[in-house]
C-alpha atoms as a PDB file:
ATOM      1  CA  MET A   1      49.277 102.649  53.293  1.00  0.00           C
ATOM      2  CA  THR A   2      52.896 102.782  52.134  1.00  0.00           C
ATOM      3  CA  ASP A   3      55.922 104.728  53.332  1.00  0.00           C
ATOM      4  CA  LYS A   4      57.081 105.433  49.788  1.00  0.00           C
ATOM      5  CA  PRO A   5      57.331 109.118  49.012  1.00  0.00           C
ATOM      6  CA  THR A   6      55.073 110.567  46.359  1.00  0.00           C
ATOM      7  CA  ALA A   7      56.514 111.903  43.131  1.00  0.00           C
ATOM      8  CA  ALA A   8      55.939 115.465  44.372  1.00  0.00           C
ATOM      9  CA  ALA A   9      57.758 114.731  47.644  1.00  0.00           C
ATOM     10  CA  ARG A  10      60.705 113.138  45.764  1.00  0.00           C
ATOM     11  CA  GLU A  11      60.873 116.129  43.444  1.00  0.00           C
ATOM     12  CA  HIS A  12      60.836 118.559  46.396  1.00  0.00           C
ATOM     13  CA  MET A  13      63.645 116.607  48.125  1.00  0.00           C
ATOM     14  CA  HIS A  14      65.723 116.571  44.924  1.00  0.00           C
ATOM     15  CA  LYS A  15      65.279 120.338  44.514  1.00  0.00           C
ATOM     16  CA  LEU A  16      66.343 120.833  48.143  1.00  0.00           C
ATOM     17  CA  ALA A  17      69.386 118.604  47.538  1.00  0.00           C
ATOM     18  CA  ASP A  18      70.250 120.677  44.434  1.00  0.00           C
ATOM     19  CA  LYS A  19      70.050 123.841  46.491  1.00  0.00           C
ATOM     20  CA  GLY A  20      72.219 122.269  49.211  1.00  0.00           C
ATOM     21  CA  LEU A  21      74.873 121.243  46.734  1.00  0.00           C
ATOM     22  CA  LYS A  22      75.012 124.701  45.135  1.00  0.00           C
ATOM     23  CA  GLU A  23      74.529 126.890  48.246  1.00  0.00           C
ATOM     24  CA  PRO A  24      74.696 124.828  51.432  1.00  0.00           C
ATOM     25  CA  LYS A  25      75.121 127.860  53.666  1.00  0.00           C
ATOM     26  CA  LEU A  26      71.743 129.265  52.527  1.00  0.00           C
ATOM     27  CA  LEU A  27      69.741 126.258  53.769  1.00  0.00           C
ATOM     28  CA  THR A  28      67.466 126.937  56.675  1.00  0.00           C
ATOM     29  CA  LYS A  29      67.547 124.960  59.899  1.00  0.00           C
ATOM     30  CA  GLU A  30      64.307 123.238  58.844  1.00  0.00           C
ATOM     31  CA  GLU A  31      65.747 122.310  55.455  1.00  0.00           C
ATOM     32  CA  VAL A  32      68.825 120.716  57.077  1.00  0.00           C
ATOM     33  CA  ILE A  33      66.554 118.755  59.397  1.00  0.00           C
ATOM     34  CA  SER A  34      64.490 117.600  56.441  1.00  0.00           C
ATOM     35  CA  LEU A  35      67.598 116.368  54.600  1.00  0.00           C
ATOM     36  CA  GLY A  36      68.627 114.495  57.743  1.00  0.00           C
ATOM     37  CA  GLN A  37      65.249 112.871  58.185  1.00  0.00           C
ATOM     38  CA  HIS A  38      65.162 111.755  54.561  1.00  0.00           C
ATOM     39  CA  VAL A  39      68.618 110.139  54.671  1.00  0.00           C
ATOM     40  CA  ALA A  40      67.903 108.573  58.127  1.00  0.00           C
ATOM     41  CA  LYS A  41      64.887 106.760  56.674  1.00  0.00           C
ATOM     42  CA  GLU A  42      67.009 105.048  54.021  1.00  0.00           C
ATOM     43  CA  HIS A  43      67.871 101.810  55.919  1.00  0.00           C
ATOM     44  CA  GLY A  44      70.389  99.791  53.977  1.00  0.00           C
ATOM     45  CA  HIS A  45      70.971 102.448  51.345  1.00  0.00           C
ATOM     46  CA  ALA A  46      72.906 105.018  53.394  1.00  0.00           C
ATOM     47  CA  THR A  47      76.365 104.327  54.738  1.00  0.00           C
ATOM     48  CA  GLU A  48      77.094 104.398  58.427  1.00  0.00           C
ATOM     49  CA  ALA A  49      78.771 107.786  58.039  1.00  0.00           C
ATOM     50  CA  GLU A  50      75.725 109.147  56.224  1.00  0.00           C
ATOM     51  CA  HIS A  51      73.467 107.863  59.022  1.00  0.00           C
ATOM     52  CA  GLU A  52      75.654 109.628  61.615  1.00  0.00           C
ATOM     53  CA  ILE A  53      75.465 112.910  59.658  1.00  0.00           C
ATOM     54  CA  ALA A  54      71.699 112.463  59.272  1.00  0.00           C
ATOM     55  CA  LYS A  55      71.257 112.005  63.050  1.00  0.00           C
ATOM     56  CA  LYS A  56      73.413 115.096  63.694  1.00  0.00           C
ATOM     57  CA  ALA A  57      71.373 117.108  61.161  1.00  0.00           C
ATOM     58  CA  GLN A  58      68.159 116.188  62.935  1.00  0.00           C
ATOM     59  CA  HIS A  59      69.456 116.951  66.492  1.00  0.00           C
ATOM     60  CA  ASN A  60      71.896 119.809  65.878  1.00  0.00           C
ATOM     61  CA  PRO A  61      71.244 121.344  62.407  1.00  0.00           C
ATOM     62  CA  GLU A  62      73.321 124.410  63.244  1.00  0.00           C
ATOM     63  CA  GLY A  63      76.353 122.206  63.905  1.00  0.00           C
ATOM     64  CA  VAL A  64      76.303 120.483  60.521  1.00  0.00           C
ATOM     65  CA  THR A  65      79.219 121.522  58.361  1.00  0.00           C
ATOM     66  CA  VAL A  66      79.079 122.445  54.630  1.00  0.00           C
ATOM     67  CA  THR A  67      80.778 119.171  53.759  1.00  0.00           C
ATOM     68  CA  GLU A  68      78.249 117.186  55.767  1.00  0.00           C
ATOM     69  CA  ILE A  69      75.367 118.980  54.110  1.00  0.00           C
ATOM     70  CA  LYS A  70      76.853 118.211  50.694  1.00  0.00           C
ATOM     71  CA  THR A  71      77.212 114.539  51.744  1.00  0.00           C
ATOM     72  CA  LEU A  72      73.526 114.341  52.586  1.00  0.00           C
ATOM     73  CA  CYS A  73      72.555 116.106  49.353  1.00  0.00           C
ATOM     74  CA  SER A  74      74.834 113.879  47.277  1.00  0.00           C
ATOM     75  CA  HIS A  75      73.253 110.828  48.842  1.00  0.00           C
ATOM     76  CA  ILE A  76      69.776 112.058  47.919  1.00  0.00           C
ATOM     77  CA  LYS A  77      70.897 112.819  44.386  1.00  0.00           C
ATOM     78  CA  GLY A  78      72.456 109.362  44.140  1.00  0.00           C
ATOM     79  CA  GLU A  79      76.004 110.626  44.025  1.00  0.00           C
ATOM     80  CA  ARG A  80      77.577 109.334  47.194  1.00  0.00           C
ATOM     81  CA  THR A  81      81.031 110.570  46.324  1.00  0.00           C
ATOM     82  CA  ALA A  82      81.175 113.711  48.595  1.00  0.00           C
ATOM     83  CA  ARG A  83      82.607 112.326  51.832  1.00  0.00           C
END
């Protein structure tokens, strides 16, 4: 069995990232955790700063700032410019 996400899972994550880029304050605690888990799995693709934000999102989702949420979402969308 492989760890690669299915097309449906990728689509869901991209929709969640779109929502986070447009309205980061409307994300639920569970959605922030999900974004963090996704970015944390990306060994070698995420920067050290993105990994730190991902860990924070998983352990303290209420403490993640709007800028940090946008950084995670931008990473998922492939636009790692929001730092």
